[in-house]
């Protein structure tokens, strides 16, 4: 047996390692802007009984300005929506219209997902 195997065979339990850090993907983090500077518009139906919503991620603003932006997007698109976990949810499936609204406001946008 090698020396390292002898040392490990005696180890029963150790707390030396400390806490294990969760590794998150670097390009997709909730509440932060994507590295390429684009705002992502995706569509999601999961958990909504088949009804689709558009999810806008990648905008980093203070809470009050973020809610005002969501309100403006809802008014201009003519639909309802909500703000959840640093994401804006807009009802419906007209991502191209939402992309043009955001681009008119000065954001660079990409449509993500299928």
PDB file of N, CA and C in Angstrom:
ATOM      1  N   UNK A   1       0.827  -1.174   0.000  1.00  0.00           N
ATOM      2  CA  UNK A   1       0.000   0.000   0.000  1.00  0.00           C
ATOM      3  C   UNK A   1       0.878   1.245   0.000  1.00  0.00           C
ATOM      4  N   UNK A   2       0.466   2.274  -0.742  1.00  0.00           N
ATOM      5  CA  UNK A   2       1.212   3.530  -0.778  1.00  0.00           C
ATOM      6  C   UNK A   2       0.995   4.317   0.512  1.00  0.00           C
ATOM      7  N   UNK A   3       1.906   5.272   0.780  1.00  0.00           N
ATOM      8  CA  UNK A   3       1.818   6.076   2.010  1.00  0.00           C
ATOM      9  C   UNK A   3       0.503   6.844   2.115  1.00  0.00           C
ATOM     10  N   UNK A   4       0.049   7.416   1.019  1.00  0.00           N
ATOM     11  CA  UNK A   4      -1.178   8.207   1.075  1.00  0.00           C
ATOM     12  C   UNK A   4      -2.398   7.330   1.369  1.00  0.00           C
ATOM     13  N   UNK A   5      -2.360   6.084   0.912  1.00  0.00           N
ATOM     14  CA  UNK A   5      -3.473   5.185   1.202  1.00  0.00           C
ATOM     15  C   UNK A   5      -3.507   4.824   2.685  1.00  0.00           C
ATOM     16  N   UNK A   6      -2.335   4.670   3.309  1.00  0.00           N
ATOM     17  CA  UNK A   6      -2.281   4.388   4.735  1.00  0.00           C
ATOM     18  C   UNK A   6      -2.833   5.550   5.539  1.00  0.00           C
ATOM     19  N   UNK A   7      -2.501   6.770   5.109  1.00  0.00           N
ATOM     20  CA  UNK A   7      -2.970   7.950   5.831  1.00  0.00           C
ATOM     21  C   UNK A   7      -4.489   8.097   5.726  1.00  0.00           C
ATOM     22  N   UNK A   8      -5.033   7.830   4.563  1.00  0.00           N
ATOM     23  CA  UNK A   8      -6.473   7.962   4.365  1.00  0.00           C
ATOM     24  C   UNK A   8      -7.253   6.843   5.043  1.00  0.00           C
ATOM     25  N   UNK A   9      -6.658   5.694   5.178  1.00  0.00           N
ATOM     26  CA  UNK A   9      -7.381   4.586   5.789  1.00  0.00           C
ATOM     27  C   UNK A   9      -7.630   4.834   7.271  1.00  0.00           C
ATOM     28  N   UNK A  10      -6.817   5.687   7.905  1.00  0.00           N
ATOM     29  CA  UNK A  10      -6.990   5.989   9.312  1.00  0.00           C
ATOM     30  C   UNK A  10      -8.023   7.104   9.540  1.00  0.00           C
ATOM     31  N   UNK A  11      -8.331   7.874   8.509  1.00  0.00           N
ATOM     32  CA  UNK A  11      -9.250   9.000   8.629  1.00  0.00           C
ATOM     33  C   UNK A  11     -10.691   8.495   8.680  1.00  0.00           C
ATOM     34  N   UNK A  12     -11.383   8.834   9.736  1.00  0.00           N
ATOM     35  CA  UNK A  12     -12.769   8.422   9.875  1.00  0.00           C
ATOM     36  C   UNK A  12     -13.697   9.582   9.533  1.00  0.00           C
ATOM     37  N   UNK A  13     -13.433  10.768  10.109  1.00  0.00           N
ATOM     38  CA  UNK A  13     -14.271  11.927   9.866  1.00  0.00           C
ATOM     39  C   UNK A  13     -13.435  13.186  10.074  1.00  0.00           C
ATOM     40  N   UNK A  14     -13.634  14.170   9.228  1.00  0.00           N
ATOM     41  CA  UNK A  14     -12.869  15.403   9.362  1.00  0.00           C
ATOM     42  C   UNK A  14     -13.764  16.596   9.065  1.00  0.00           C
ATOM     43  N   UNK A  15     -13.552  17.669   9.809  1.00  0.00           N
ATOM     44  CA  UNK A  15     -14.269  18.915   9.548  1.00  0.00           C
ATOM     45  C   UNK A  15     -13.338  19.975   9.004  1.00  0.00           C
ATOM     46  N   UNK A  16     -12.154  19.567   8.565  1.00  0.00           N
ATOM     47  CA  UNK A  16     -11.155  20.505   8.050  1.00  0.00           C
ATOM     48  C   UNK A  16     -11.610  21.200   6.777  1.00  0.00           C
ATOM     49  N   UNK A  17     -12.401  20.548   5.961  1.00  0.00           N
ATOM     50  CA  UNK A  17     -12.722  21.096   4.645  1.00  0.00           C
ATOM     51  C   UNK A  17     -13.615  22.326   4.711  1.00  0.00           C
ATOM     52  N   UNK A  18     -14.367  22.538   5.785  1.00  0.00           N
ATOM     53  CA  UNK A  18     -15.224  23.716   5.891  1.00  0.00           C
ATOM     54  C   UNK A  18     -16.465  23.573   5.043  1.00  0.00           C
ATOM     55  N   UNK A  19     -17.060  24.712   4.758  1.00  0.00           N
ATOM     56  CA  UNK A  19     -18.284  24.711   3.965  1.00  0.00           C
ATOM     57  C   UNK A  19     -17.973  24.501   2.493  1.00  0.00           C
ATOM     58  N   UNK A  20     -18.863  23.829   1.825  1.00  0.00           N
ATOM     59  CA  UNK A  20     -18.732  23.618   0.394  1.00  0.00           C
ATOM     60  C   UNK A  20     -19.500  24.727  -0.302  1.00  0.00           C
ATOM     61  N   UNK A  21     -18.835  25.427  -1.223  1.00  0.00           N
ATOM     62  CA  UNK A  21     -19.470  26.533  -1.940  1.00  0.00           C
ATOM     63  C   UNK A  21     -20.224  26.009  -3.151  1.00  0.00           C
ATOM     64  N   UNK A  22     -21.418  26.536  -3.368  1.00  0.00           N
ATOM     65  CA  UNK A  22     -22.180  26.195  -4.563  1.00  0.00           C
ATOM     66  C   UNK A  22     -21.616  26.981  -5.726  1.00  0.00           C
ATOM     67  N   UNK A  23     -21.315  26.284  -6.812  1.00  0.00           N
ATOM     68  CA  UNK A  23     -20.796  26.963  -7.996  1.00  0.00           C
ATOM     69  C   UNK A  23     -21.959  27.285  -8.918  1.00  0.00           C
ATOM     70  N   UNK A  24     -22.136  28.553  -9.218  1.00  0.00           N
ATOM     71  CA  UNK A  24     -23.196  28.990 -10.111  1.00  0.00           C
ATOM     72  C   UNK A  24     -22.584  29.270 -11.482  1.00  0.00           C
ATOM     73  N   UNK A  25     -23.356  29.116 -12.550  1.00  0.00           N
ATOM     74  CA  UNK A  25     -22.836  29.471 -13.863  1.00  0.00           C
ATOM     75  C   UNK A  25     -22.452  30.953 -13.896  1.00  0.00           C
ATOM     76  N   UNK A  26     -21.354  31.260 -14.565  1.00  0.00           N
ATOM     77  CA  UNK A  26     -20.866  32.640 -14.561  1.00  0.00           C
ATOM     78  C   UNK A  26     -21.660  33.547 -15.476  1.00  0.00           C
ATOM     79  N   UNK A  27     -22.279  32.998 -16.525  1.00  0.00           N
ATOM     80  CA  UNK A  27     -22.968  33.876 -17.464  1.00  0.00           C
ATOM     81  C   UNK A  27     -24.447  34.075 -17.143  1.00  0.00           C
ATOM     82  N   UNK A  28     -25.013  33.251 -16.262  1.00  0.00           N
ATOM     83  CA  UNK A  28     -26.418  33.401 -15.923  1.00  0.00           C
ATOM     84  C   UNK A  28     -26.543  33.491 -14.407  1.00  0.00           C
ATOM     85  N   UNK A  29     -26.666  34.697 -13.898  1.00  0.00           N
ATOM     86  CA  UNK A  29     -26.846  34.884 -12.474  1.00  0.00           C
ATOM     87  C   UNK A  29     -28.039  35.795 -12.266  1.00  0.00           C
ATOM     88  N   UNK A  30     -28.883  35.414 -11.342  1.00  0.00           N
ATOM     89  CA  UNK A  30     -30.074  36.202 -11.057  1.00  0.00           C
ATOM     90  C   UNK A  30     -29.657  37.547 -10.490  1.00  0.00           C
ATOM     91  N   UNK A  31     -30.226  38.603 -11.014  1.00  0.00           N
ATOM     92  CA  UNK A  31     -29.963  39.929 -10.481  1.00  0.00           C
ATOM     93  C   UNK A  31     -28.742  40.616 -11.049  1.00  0.00           C
ATOM     94  N   UNK A  32     -28.057  40.002 -11.982  1.00  0.00           N
ATOM     95  CA  UNK A  32     -26.883  40.628 -12.553  1.00  0.00           C
ATOM     96  C   UNK A  32     -27.037  40.730 -14.063  1.00  0.00           C
ATOM     97  N   UNK A  33     -26.291  41.630 -14.633  1.00  0.00           N
ATOM     98  CA  UNK A  33     -26.299  41.820 -16.072  1.00  0.00           C
ATOM     99  C   UNK A  33     -25.419  40.745 -16.695  1.00  0.00           C
ATOM    100  N   UNK A  34     -25.827  40.220 -17.843  1.00  0.00           N
ATOM    101  CA  UNK A  34     -25.017  39.235 -18.541  1.00  0.00           C
ATOM    102  C   UNK A  34     -23.708  39.866 -18.973  1.00  0.00           C
ATOM    103  N   UNK A  35     -22.677  39.061 -19.118  1.00  0.00           N
ATOM    104  CA  UNK A  35     -21.352  39.576 -19.465  1.00  0.00           C
ATOM    105  C   UNK A  35     -21.340  40.287 -20.812  1.00  0.00           C
ATOM    106  N   UNK A  36     -22.174  39.852 -21.743  1.00  0.00           N
ATOM    107  CA  UNK A  36     -22.184  40.493 -23.053  1.00  0.00           C
ATOM    108  C   UNK A  36     -23.022  41.762 -23.088  1.00  0.00           C
ATOM    109  N   UNK A  37     -23.718  42.096 -21.988  1.00  0.00           N
ATOM    110  CA  UNK A  37     -24.466  43.344 -21.893  1.00  0.00           C
ATOM    111  C   UNK A  37     -25.845  43.312 -22.519  1.00  0.00           C
ATOM    112  N   UNK A  38     -26.320  42.156 -22.931  1.00  0.00           N
ATOM    113  CA  UNK A  38     -27.630  42.042 -23.558  1.00  0.00           C
ATOM    114  C   UNK A  38     -28.688  41.676 -22.529  1.00  0.00           C
ATOM    115  N   UNK A  39     -29.893  42.155 -22.761  1.00  0.00           N
ATOM    116  CA  UNK A  39     -31.059  41.772 -21.970  1.00  0.00           C
ATOM    117  C   UNK A  39     -31.687  40.586 -22.682  1.00  0.00           C
ATOM    118  N   UNK A  40     -32.020  39.532 -21.943  1.00  0.00           N
ATOM    119  CA  UNK A  40     -32.591  38.327 -22.543  1.00  0.00           C
ATOM    120  C   UNK A  40     -34.111  38.312 -22.363  1.00  0.00           C
ATOM    121  N   UNK A  41     -34.808  37.952 -23.433  1.00  0.00           N
ATOM    122  CA  UNK A  41     -36.258  37.796 -23.407  1.00  0.00           C
ATOM    123  C   UNK A  41     -36.552  36.342 -23.759  1.00  0.00           C
ATOM    124  N   UNK A  42     -37.096  35.608 -22.796  1.00  0.00           N
ATOM    125  CA  UNK A  42     -37.412  34.205 -23.038  1.00  0.00           C
ATOM    126  C   UNK A  42     -38.896  33.963 -22.781  1.00  0.00           C
ATOM    127  N   UNK A  43     -39.368  32.814 -23.199  1.00  0.00           N
ATOM    128  CA  UNK A  43     -40.769  32.450 -23.012  1.00  0.00           C
ATOM    129  C   UNK A  43     -40.845  31.247 -22.098  1.00  0.00           C
ATOM    130  N   UNK A  44     -41.804  31.251 -21.193  1.00  0.00           N
ATOM    131  CA  UNK A  44     -41.940  30.153 -20.247  1.00  0.00           C
ATOM    132  C   UNK A  44     -43.407  29.830 -20.020  1.00  0.00           C
ATOM    133  N   UNK A  45     -43.736  28.528 -19.966  1.00  0.00           N
ATOM    134  CA  UNK A  45     -45.103  28.105 -19.682  1.00  0.00           C
ATOM    135  C   UNK A  45     -45.157  27.202 -18.462  1.00  0.00           C
ATOM    136  N   UNK A  46     -44.028  26.836 -17.924  1.00  0.00           N
ATOM    137  CA  UNK A  46     -43.946  25.883 -16.820  1.00  0.00           C
ATOM    138  C   UNK A  46     -44.654  26.416 -15.574  1.00  0.00           C
ATOM    139  N   UNK A  47     -45.559  25.629 -15.032  1.00  0.00           N
ATOM    140  CA  UNK A  47     -46.263  25.983 -13.808  1.00  0.00           C
ATOM    141  C   UNK A  47     -47.350  27.023 -13.999  1.00  0.00           C
ATOM    142  N   UNK A  48     -47.755  27.250 -15.242  1.00  0.00           N
ATOM    143  CA  UNK A  48     -48.773  28.272 -15.510  1.00  0.00           C
ATOM    144  C   UNK A  48     -49.959  27.703 -16.281  1.00  0.00           C
ATOM    145  N   UNK A  49     -50.163  26.412 -16.181  1.00  0.00           N
ATOM    146  CA  UNK A  49     -51.274  25.722 -16.833  1.00  0.00           C
ATOM    147  C   UNK A  49     -51.330  25.997 -18.329  1.00  0.00           C
ATOM    148  N   UNK A  50     -50.172  26.025 -18.980  1.00  0.00           N
ATOM    149  CA  UNK A  50     -50.103  26.209 -20.420  1.00  0.00           C
ATOM    150  C   UNK A  50     -50.083  27.648 -20.888  1.00  0.00           C
ATOM    151  N   UNK A  51     -50.356  28.582 -20.001  1.00  0.00           N
ATOM    152  CA  UNK A  51     -50.336  29.997 -20.379  1.00  0.00           C
ATOM    153  C   UNK A  51     -48.886  30.464 -20.448  1.00  0.00           C
ATOM    154  N   UNK A  52     -48.525  31.155 -21.506  1.00  0.00           N
ATOM    155  CA  UNK A  52     -47.149  31.600 -21.697  1.00  0.00           C
ATOM    156  C   UNK A  52     -46.902  33.000 -21.163  1.00  0.00           C
ATOM    157  N   UNK A  53     -45.726  33.195 -20.610  1.00  0.00           N
ATOM    158  CA  UNK A  53     -45.285  34.523 -20.207  1.00  0.00           C
ATOM    159  C   UNK A  53     -43.890  34.753 -20.770  1.00  0.00           C
ATOM    160  N   UNK A  54     -43.562  36.009 -20.980  1.00  0.00           N
ATOM    161  CA  UNK A  54     -42.232  36.378 -21.426  1.00  0.00           C
ATOM    162  C   UNK A  54     -41.432  36.805 -20.202  1.00  0.00           C
ATOM    163  N   UNK A  55     -40.240  36.262 -20.042  1.00  0.00           N
ATOM    164  CA  UNK A  55     -39.379  36.557 -18.911  1.00  0.00           C
ATOM    165  C   UNK A  55     -38.232  37.440 -19.392  1.00  0.00           C
ATOM    166  N   UNK A  56     -38.073  38.587 -18.752  1.00  0.00           N
ATOM    167  CA  UNK A  56     -36.999  39.524 -19.093  1.00  0.00           C
ATOM    168  C   UNK A  56     -35.961  39.461 -17.985  1.00  0.00           C
ATOM    169  N   UNK A  57     -34.732  39.091 -18.321  1.00  0.00           N
ATOM    170  CA  UNK A  57     -33.647  39.008 -17.354  1.00  0.00           C
ATOM    171  C   UNK A  57     -32.450  39.812 -17.852  1.00  0.00           C
ATOM    172  N   UNK A  58     -31.592  40.172 -16.926  1.00  0.00           N
ATOM    173  CA  UNK A  58     -30.352  40.855 -17.289  1.00  0.00           C
ATOM    174  C   UNK A  58     -30.405  42.350 -17.101  1.00  0.00           C
ATOM    175  N   UNK A  59     -31.423  42.872 -16.447  1.00  0.00           N
ATOM    176  CA  UNK A  59     -31.521  44.310 -16.177  1.00  0.00           C
ATOM    177  C   UNK A  59     -31.211  44.523 -14.706  1.00  0.00           C
ATOM    178  N   UNK A  60     -30.243  45.390 -14.443  1.00  0.00           N
ATOM    179  CA  UNK A  60     -29.875  45.669 -13.061  1.00  0.00           C
ATOM    180  C   UNK A  60     -30.183  47.127 -12.756  1.00  0.00           C
ATOM    181  N   UNK A  61     -31.239  47.322 -11.964  1.00  0.00           N
ATOM    182  CA  UNK A  61     -31.688  48.656 -11.570  1.00  0.00           C
ATOM    183  C   UNK A  61     -32.076  48.620 -10.095  1.00  0.00           C
ATOM    184  N   UNK A  62     -32.137  49.776  -9.448  1.00  0.00           N
ATOM    185  CA  UNK A  62     -32.699  49.810  -8.092  1.00  0.00           C
ATOM    186  C   UNK A  62     -34.161  49.349  -8.115  1.00  0.00           C
ATOM    187  N   UNK A  63     -34.636  48.881  -6.975  1.00  0.00           N
ATOM    188  CA  UNK A  63     -35.960  48.245  -6.902  1.00  0.00           C
ATOM    189  C   UNK A  63     -37.090  49.132  -7.418  1.00  0.00           C
ATOM    190  N   UNK A  64     -37.095  50.414  -7.036  1.00  0.00           N
ATOM    191  CA  UNK A  64     -38.199  51.276  -7.468  1.00  0.00           C
ATOM    192  C   UNK A  64     -38.153  51.541  -8.971  1.00  0.00           C
ATOM    193  N   UNK A  65     -36.956  51.741  -9.531  1.00  0.00           N
ATOM    194  CA  UNK A  65     -36.844  51.960 -10.985  1.00  0.00           C
ATOM    195  C   UNK A  65     -37.178  50.687 -11.746  1.00  0.00           C
ATOM    196  N   UNK A  66     -36.830  49.537 -11.162  1.00  0.00           N
ATOM    197  CA  UNK A  66     -37.123  48.252 -11.798  1.00  0.00           C
ATOM    198  C   UNK A  66     -38.625  48.045 -11.920  1.00  0.00           C
ATOM    199  N   UNK A  67     -39.365  48.400 -10.868  1.00  0.00           N
ATOM    200  CA  UNK A  67     -40.829  48.271 -10.895  1.00  0.00           C
ATOM    201  C   UNK A  67     -41.451  49.257 -11.885  1.00  0.00           C
ATOM    202  N   UNK A  68     -40.875  50.482 -11.977  1.00  0.00           N
ATOM    203  CA  UNK A  68     -41.382  51.467 -12.943  1.00  0.00           C
ATOM    204  C   UNK A  68     -41.151  50.990 -14.370  1.00  0.00           C
ATOM    205  N   UNK A  69     -39.985  50.359 -14.605  1.00  0.00           N
ATOM    206  CA  UNK A  69     -39.703  49.812 -15.931  1.00  0.00           C
ATOM    207  C   UNK A  69     -40.709  48.722 -16.274  1.00  0.00           C
ATOM    208  N   UNK A  70     -40.997  47.842 -15.330  1.00  0.00           N
ATOM    209  CA  UNK A  70     -41.977  46.780 -15.559  1.00  0.00           C
ATOM    210  C   UNK A  70     -43.345  47.364 -15.865  1.00  0.00           C
ATOM    211  N   UNK A  71     -43.725  48.396 -15.125  1.00  0.00           N
ATOM    212  CA  UNK A  71     -45.023  49.043 -15.346  1.00  0.00           C
ATOM    213  C   UNK A  71     -45.082  49.660 -16.743  1.00  0.00           C
ATOM    214  N   UNK A  72     -43.999  50.302 -17.157  1.00  0.00           N
ATOM    215  CA  UNK A  72     -43.945  50.908 -18.491  1.00  0.00           C
ATOM    216  C   UNK A  72     -44.059  49.834 -19.574  1.00  0.00           C
ATOM    217  N   UNK A  73     -43.355  48.714 -19.396  1.00  0.00           N
ATOM    218  CA  UNK A  73     -43.414  47.637 -20.387  1.00  0.00           C
ATOM    219  C   UNK A  73     -44.813  47.039 -20.478  1.00  0.00           C
ATOM    220  N   UNK A  74     -45.471  46.895 -19.346  1.00  0.00           N
ATOM    221  CA  UNK A  74     -46.835  46.358 -19.356  1.00  0.00           C
ATOM    222  C   UNK A  74     -47.787  47.299 -20.077  1.00  0.00           C
ATOM    223  N   UNK A  75     -47.641  48.603 -19.847  1.00  0.00           N
ATOM    224  CA  UNK A  75     -48.524  49.570 -20.505  1.00  0.00           C
ATOM    225  C   UNK A  75     -48.297  49.593 -22.007  1.00  0.00           C
ATOM    226  N   UNK A  76     -47.019  49.617 -22.416  1.00  0.00           N
ATOM    227  CA  UNK A  76     -46.715  49.704 -23.851  1.00  0.00           C
ATOM    228  C   UNK A  76     -47.074  48.433 -24.604  1.00  0.00           C
ATOM    229  N   UNK A  77     -46.994  47.277 -23.929  1.00  0.00           N
ATOM    230  CA  UNK A  77     -47.351  46.036 -24.610  1.00  0.00           C
ATOM    231  C   UNK A  77     -48.839  45.726 -24.486  1.00  0.00           C
ATOM    232  N   UNK A  78     -49.528  46.415 -23.572  1.00  0.00           N
ATOM    233  CA  UNK A  78     -50.965  46.225 -23.426  1.00  0.00           C
ATOM    234  C   UNK A  78     -51.338  44.932 -22.731  1.00  0.00           C
ATOM    235  N   UNK A  79     -50.460  44.423 -21.890  1.00  0.00           N
ATOM    236  CA  UNK A  79     -50.724  43.179 -21.178  1.00  0.00           C
ATOM    237  C   UNK A  79     -50.403  43.330 -19.697  1.00  0.00           C
ATOM    238  N   UNK A  80     -50.696  42.284 -18.939  1.00  0.00           N
ATOM    239  CA  UNK A  80     -50.365  42.282 -17.523  1.00  0.00           C
ATOM    240  C   UNK A  80     -49.005  41.666 -17.294  1.00  0.00           C
ATOM    241  N   UNK A  81     -48.618  41.597 -16.043  1.00  0.00           N
ATOM    242  CA  UNK A  81     -47.336  40.997 -15.726  1.00  0.00           C
ATOM    243  C   UNK A  81     -46.992  41.188 -14.265  1.00  0.00           C
ATOM    244  N   UNK A  82     -45.766  40.818 -13.914  1.00  0.00           N
ATOM    245  CA  UNK A  82     -45.322  40.909 -12.521  1.00  0.00           C
ATOM    246  C   UNK A  82     -43.807  41.027 -12.467  1.00  0.00           C
ATOM    247  N   UNK A  83     -43.312  41.413 -11.284  1.00  0.00           N
ATOM    248  CA  UNK A  83     -41.869  41.453 -11.020  1.00  0.00           C
ATOM    249  C   UNK A  83     -41.588  40.393  -9.973  1.00  0.00           C
ATOM    250  N   UNK A  84     -40.705  39.434 -10.304  1.00  0.00           N
ATOM    251  CA  UNK A  84     -40.352  38.361  -9.378  1.00  0.00           C
ATOM    252  C   UNK A  84     -38.866  38.059  -9.498  1.00  0.00           C
ATOM    253  N   UNK A  85     -38.174  38.073  -8.352  1.00  0.00           N
ATOM    254  CA  UNK A  85     -36.770  37.654  -8.285  1.00  0.00           C
ATOM    255  C   UNK A  85     -35.884  38.332  -9.334  1.00  0.00           C
ATOM    256  N   UNK A  86     -35.906  39.634  -9.411  1.00  0.00           N
ATOM    257  CA  UNK A  86     -35.098  40.403 -10.365  1.00  0.00           C
ATOM    258  C   UNK A  86     -35.388  40.025 -11.810  1.00  0.00           C
ATOM    259  N   UNK A  87     -36.587  39.568 -12.072  1.00  0.00           N
ATOM    260  CA  UNK A  87     -37.042  39.274 -13.422  1.00  0.00           C
ATOM    261  C   UNK A  87     -38.378  39.955 -13.636  1.00  0.00           C
ATOM    262  N   UNK A  88     -38.631  40.327 -14.869  1.00  0.00           N
ATOM    263  CA  UNK A  88     -39.922  40.907 -15.213  1.00  0.00           C
ATOM    264  C   UNK A  88     -40.682  39.868 -16.029  1.00  0.00           C
ATOM    265  N   UNK A  89     -41.908  39.560 -15.599  1.00  0.00           N
ATOM    266  CA  UNK A  89     -42.767  38.627 -16.324  1.00  0.00           C
ATOM    267  C   UNK A  89     -43.869  39.423 -17.003  1.00  0.00           C
ATOM    268  N   UNK A  90     -43.984  39.265 -18.314  1.00  0.00           N
ATOM    269  CA  UNK A  90     -45.026  39.918 -19.094  1.00  0.00           C
ATOM    270  C   UNK A  90     -45.876  38.826 -19.732  1.00  0.00           C
ATOM    271  N   UNK A  91     -47.190  38.927 -19.599  1.00  0.00           N
ATOM    272  CA  UNK A  91     -48.079  37.904 -20.139  1.00  0.00           C
ATOM    273  C   UNK A  91     -48.090  37.960 -21.658  1.00  0.00           C
ATOM    274  N   UNK A  92     -48.255  36.809 -22.271  1.00  0.00           N
ATOM    275  CA  UNK A  92     -48.363  36.732 -23.719  1.00  0.00           C
ATOM    276  C   UNK A  92     -47.134  36.136 -24.357  1.00  0.00           C
ATOM    277  N   UNK A  93     -47.070  36.240 -25.690  1.00  0.00           N
ATOM    278  CA  UNK A  93     -45.961  35.637 -26.433  1.00  0.00           C
ATOM    279  C   UNK A  93     -45.517  36.517 -27.590  1.00  0.00           C
ATOM    280  N   UNK A  94     -45.532  37.809 -27.451  1.00  0.00           N
ATOM    281  CA  UNK A  94     -45.086  38.703 -28.521  1.00  0.00           C
ATOM    282  C   UNK A  94     -43.702  39.246 -28.170  1.00  0.00           C
ATOM    283  N   UNK A  95     -42.697  38.356 -28.245  1.00  0.00           N
ATOM    284  CA  UNK A  95     -41.337  38.731 -27.846  1.00  0.00           C
ATOM    285  C   UNK A  95     -40.724  39.766 -28.774  1.00  0.00           C
ATOM    286  N   UNK A  96     -41.097  39.732 -30.052  1.00  0.00           N
ATOM    287  CA  UNK A  96     -40.550  40.715 -30.992  1.00  0.00           C
ATOM    288  C   UNK A  96     -41.029  42.128 -30.659  1.00  0.00           C
ATOM    289  N   UNK A  97     -42.284  42.254 -30.288  1.00  0.00           N
ATOM    290  CA  UNK A  97     -42.830  43.557 -29.889  1.00  0.00           C
ATOM    291  C   UNK A  97     -42.120  44.056 -28.630  1.00  0.00           C
ATOM    292  N   UNK A  98     -41.934  43.167 -27.665  1.00  0.00           N
ATOM    293  CA  UNK A  98     -41.253  43.529 -26.425  1.00  0.00           C
ATOM    294  C   UNK A  98     -39.798  43.904 -26.690  1.00  0.00           C
ATOM    295  N   UNK A  99     -39.160  43.201 -27.619  1.00  0.00           N
ATOM    296  CA  UNK A  99     -37.780  43.523 -27.981  1.00  0.00           C
ATOM    297  C   UNK A  99     -37.695  44.923 -28.590  1.00  0.00           C
ATOM    298  N   UNK A 100     -38.625  45.276 -29.463  1.00  0.00           N
ATOM    299  CA  UNK A 100     -38.594  46.606 -30.069  1.00  0.00           C
ATOM    300  C   UNK A 100     -38.858  47.699 -29.034  1.00  0.00           C
ATOM    301  N   UNK A 101     -39.736  47.435 -28.064  1.00  0.00           N
ATOM    302  CA  UNK A 101     -40.007  48.408 -26.997  1.00  0.00           C
ATOM    303  C   UNK A 101     -38.747  48.648 -26.171  1.00  0.00           C
ATOM    304  N   UNK A 102     -38.065  47.556 -25.782  1.00  0.00           N
ATOM    305  CA  UNK A 102     -36.843  47.685 -24.985  1.00  0.00           C
ATOM    306  C   UNK A 102     -35.722  48.360 -25.764  1.00  0.00           C
ATOM    307  N   UNK A 103     -35.608  48.065 -27.054  1.00  0.00           N
ATOM    308  CA  UNK A 103     -34.571  48.703 -27.864  1.00  0.00           C
ATOM    309  C   UNK A 103     -34.838  50.188 -28.027  1.00  0.00           C
ATOM    310  N   UNK A 104     -36.117  50.578 -28.116  1.00  0.00           N
ATOM    311  CA  UNK A 104     -36.454  51.995 -28.172  1.00  0.00           C
ATOM    312  C   UNK A 104     -36.083  52.704 -26.872  1.00  0.00           C
ATOM    313  N   UNK A 105     -36.077  51.961 -25.760  1.00  0.00           N
ATOM    314  CA  UNK A 105     -35.710  52.526 -24.464  1.00  0.00           C
ATOM    315  C   UNK A 105     -34.197  52.538 -24.253  1.00  0.00           C
ATOM    316  N   UNK A 106     -33.430  51.967 -25.201  1.00  0.00           N
ATOM    317  CA  UNK A 106     -31.972  52.019 -25.125  1.00  0.00           C
ATOM    318  C   UNK A 106     -31.288  50.745 -24.670  1.00  0.00           C
ATOM    319  N   UNK A 107     -32.018  49.651 -24.535  1.00  0.00           N
ATOM    320  CA  UNK A 107     -31.423  48.382 -24.124  1.00  0.00           C
ATOM    321  C   UNK A 107     -31.061  47.550 -25.346  1.00  0.00           C
ATOM    322  N   UNK A 108     -29.988  46.762 -25.234  1.00  0.00           N
ATOM    323  CA  UNK A 108     -29.635  45.791 -26.260  1.00  0.00           C
ATOM    324  C   UNK A 108     -30.289  44.484 -25.862  1.00  0.00           C
ATOM    325  N   UNK A 109     -31.060  43.873 -26.776  1.00  0.00           N
ATOM    326  CA  UNK A 109     -31.862  42.701 -26.418  1.00  0.00           C
ATOM    327  C   UNK A 109     -31.541  41.504 -27.312  1.00  0.00           C
ATOM    328  N   UNK A 110     -31.735  40.339 -26.733  1.00  0.00           N
ATOM    329  CA  UNK A 110     -31.671  39.084 -27.471  1.00  0.00           C
ATOM    330  C   UNK A 110     -32.872  38.250 -27.067  1.00  0.00           C
ATOM    331  N   UNK A 111     -33.444  37.554 -28.037  1.00  0.00           N
ATOM    332  CA  UNK A 111     -34.524  36.623 -27.742  1.00  0.00           C
ATOM    333  C   UNK A 111     -33.883  35.264 -27.513  1.00  0.00           C
ATOM    334  N   UNK A 112     -34.135  34.684 -26.349  1.00  0.00           N
ATOM    335  CA  UNK A 112     -33.519  33.402 -26.021  1.00  0.00           C
ATOM    336  C   UNK A 112     -34.587  32.334 -25.935  1.00  0.00           C
ATOM    337  N   UNK A 113     -34.177  31.092 -26.116  1.00  0.00           N
ATOM    338  CA  UNK A 113     -35.121  29.993 -26.065  1.00  0.00           C
ATOM    339  C   UNK A 113     -35.775  29.745 -27.402  1.00  0.00           C
ATOM    340  N   UNK A 114     -36.670  28.766 -27.452  1.00  0.00           N
ATOM    341  CA  UNK A 114     -37.301  28.367 -28.693  1.00  0.00           C
ATOM    342  C   UNK A 114     -38.566  28.998 -28.908  1.00  0.00           C
TER     343      UNK A 114
END
